[in-house]
Amino acid sequence: MTHSWISFVVLATVGLVGMSAAAQVKAADVTGEWLLDLDPDFGGHQDTIGCTFKQDGQSVTGACGHEAPEPQAPVTGRVKDDTLTFEFKTGRQNEQTATFTARLAGEASTMKGEWRFVDDRGENHQGKFSGRKAR
């Protein structure tokens, strides 16, 4: 084998590995309407809420809640690799911050994770949730 042939094989292999790594680095895009199944919800019951997310790079904004007449809570968050973390205010006076952390799957069409917040008495609340992109 000649030196130039070995160089060609090495360069071709490096190029394929680089293309594969670039494909894996592509960030998930959660932009759209989602349905989140809470198990349990903040009151201890199973419930489904709607969320609308808009992603710009790794930053996520949007709103979550039930349908009108209840106002939806503004959401801020971040996507890093295959993990979405977002939070919004909850409670009678919006005094608590609920934090949701989920692993994204299916090209960011589903998610599964946990939520948590500390109430005004200092008690920890937590639960699981799963989500699916509606649009």
Protein backbone atom coordinates (compact mmCIF):
# COMPACT_ATOMS: atom_id res chain seq x y z
CA MET A 1 0.00 0.00 0.00
CA THR A 2 1.33 3.40 -0.88
CA HIS A 3 1.52 6.38 1.40
CA SER A 4 -1.07 8.32 -0.65
CA TRP A 5 -3.55 5.39 -0.52
CA ILE A 6 -3.25 5.20 3.28
CA SER A 7 -3.77 8.98 3.50
CA PHE A 8 -6.90 8.67 1.35
CA VAL A 9 -8.35 5.89 3.57
CA VAL A 10 -7.62 7.88 6.75
CA LEU A 11 -9.18 11.07 5.35
CA ALA A 12 -12.26 9.20 4.11
CA THR A 13 -12.74 7.55 7.53
CA VAL A 14 -12.33 10.87 9.37
CA GLY A 15 -14.85 12.48 7.01
CA LEU A 16 -17.46 9.76 7.63
CA VAL A 17 -16.99 9.95 11.40
CA GLY A 18 -17.30 13.75 11.27
CA MET A 19 -20.52 13.57 9.23
CA SER A 20 -21.97 11.01 11.66
CA ALA A 21 -21.10 13.19 14.67
CA ALA A 22 -22.64 16.25 13.00
CA ALA A 23 -25.88 14.34 12.42
CA GLN A 24 -26.02 13.34 16.11
CA VAL A 25 -25.38 16.90 17.33
CA LYS A 26 -28.43 18.32 15.51
CA ALA A 27 -30.54 19.87 18.25
CA ALA A 28 -34.07 18.66 18.87
CA ASP A 29 -36.78 21.19 17.99
CA VAL A 30 -39.74 21.27 20.38
CA THR A 31 -41.53 24.13 18.60
CA GLY A 32 -45.25 23.41 18.37
CA GLU A 33 -48.31 22.41 20.36
CA TRP A 34 -47.95 19.66 22.96
CA LEU A 35 -50.23 17.65 25.25
CA LEU A 36 -48.68 16.73 28.61
CA ASP A 37 -50.16 13.92 30.71
CA LEU A 38 -49.37 14.62 34.38
CA ASP A 39 -49.28 11.66 36.80
CA PRO A 40 -50.23 13.16 39.15
CA ASP A 41 -50.94 16.85 38.55
CA PHE A 42 -50.19 19.47 41.21
CA GLY A 43 -53.42 18.57 43.06
CA GLY A 44 -52.69 14.83 43.16
CA HIS A 45 -54.88 13.73 40.22
CA GLN A 46 -54.10 12.57 36.71
CA ASP A 47 -54.58 15.42 34.25
CA THR A 48 -53.66 16.59 30.77
CA ILE A 49 -52.54 20.14 30.01
CA GLY A 50 -51.66 21.84 26.77
CA CYS A 51 -48.38 23.62 26.09
CA THR A 52 -47.16 25.69 23.19
CA PHE A 53 -43.39 25.93 22.78
CA LYS A 54 -41.25 28.12 20.54
CA GLN A 55 -37.59 27.23 20.31
CA ASP A 56 -34.83 29.62 19.25
CA GLY A 57 -31.48 27.82 19.39
CA GLN A 58 -31.43 26.20 22.82
CA SER A 59 -33.88 28.69 24.38
CA VAL A 60 -37.55 27.78 24.75
CA THR A 61 -40.49 30.09 25.48
CA GLY A 62 -44.21 29.47 25.43
CA ALA A 63 -47.20 28.82 27.67
CA CYS A 64 -48.82 25.87 29.48
CA GLY A 65 -52.21 25.32 31.07
CA HIS A 66 -55.81 24.37 30.49
CA GLU A 67 -58.10 25.85 27.90
CA ALA A 68 -59.82 29.22 28.36
CA PRO A 69 -61.13 30.78 30.55
CA GLU A 70 -58.06 29.79 32.63
CA PRO A 71 -55.00 31.81 31.63
CA GLN A 72 -51.98 29.85 30.50
CA ALA A 73 -48.74 30.28 32.43
CA PRO A 74 -45.74 31.72 30.56
CA VAL A 75 -42.93 29.18 30.13
CA THR A 76 -39.17 29.59 29.87
CA GLY A 77 -36.75 26.78 29.28
CA ARG A 78 -33.88 25.23 27.43
CA VAL A 79 -33.11 22.26 25.20
CA LYS A 80 -29.71 20.65 25.56
CA ASP A 81 -28.99 17.53 23.53
CA ASP A 82 -32.09 15.35 24.07
CA THR A 83 -33.22 17.00 27.32
CA LEU A 84 -35.87 19.71 27.69
CA THR A 85 -36.06 21.66 30.95
CA PHE A 86 -38.74 24.31 31.42
CA GLU A 87 -40.47 26.11 34.24
CA PHE A 88 -43.50 28.24 34.98
CA LYS A 89 -45.09 29.92 37.98
CA THR A 90 -47.95 28.22 39.80
CA GLY A 91 -49.94 28.63 43.02
CA ARG A 92 -52.71 31.00 44.02
CA GLN A 93 -50.44 34.04 43.68
CA ASN A 94 -47.96 32.51 41.20
CA GLU A 95 -45.56 32.22 44.12
CA GLN A 96 -44.07 28.80 43.29
CA THR A 97 -41.97 27.73 40.33
CA ALA A 98 -42.74 24.33 38.83
CA THR A 99 -39.78 22.78 37.01
CA PHE A 100 -40.20 20.12 34.34
CA THR A 101 -37.32 18.01 33.01
CA ALA A 102 -37.86 15.52 30.18
CA ARG A 103 -35.93 13.34 27.80
CA LEU A 104 -37.03 13.86 24.20
CA ALA A 105 -37.55 10.95 21.80
CA GLY A 106 -38.94 10.24 18.35
CA GLU A 107 -37.18 13.22 16.74
CA ALA A 108 -38.62 15.46 19.47
CA SER A 109 -42.20 14.26 18.95
CA THR A 110 -42.51 12.71 22.43
CA MET A 111 -41.08 13.39 25.87
CA LYS A 112 -41.04 11.70 29.26
CA GLY A 113 -39.87 13.12 32.55
CA GLU A 114 -40.57 14.51 35.99
CA TRP A 115 -41.93 17.75 37.44
CA ARG A 116 -41.37 19.27 40.89
CA PHE A 117 -42.01 22.36 42.98
CA VAL A 118 -41.88 23.46 46.63
CA ASP A 119 -45.13 24.92 47.99
CA ASP A 120 -45.55 27.91 50.31
CA ARG A 121 -45.28 25.61 53.36
CA GLY A 122 -41.93 24.26 52.15
CA GLU A 123 -43.32 20.88 51.10
CA ASN A 124 -41.87 19.18 48.03
CA HIS A 125 -44.31 18.11 45.32
CA GLN A 126 -43.31 15.96 42.40
CA GLY A 127 -44.71 13.70 39.75
CA LYS A 128 -44.10 12.18 36.38
CA PHE A 129 -45.33 13.29 32.99
CA SER A 130 -45.23 12.30 29.37
CA GLY A 131 -45.90 14.45 26.37
CA ARG A 132 -46.69 14.16 22.70
CA LYS A 133 -46.50 16.78 20.00
CA ALA A 134 -50.01 17.56 18.81
CA ARG A 135 -48.90 19.89 15.95
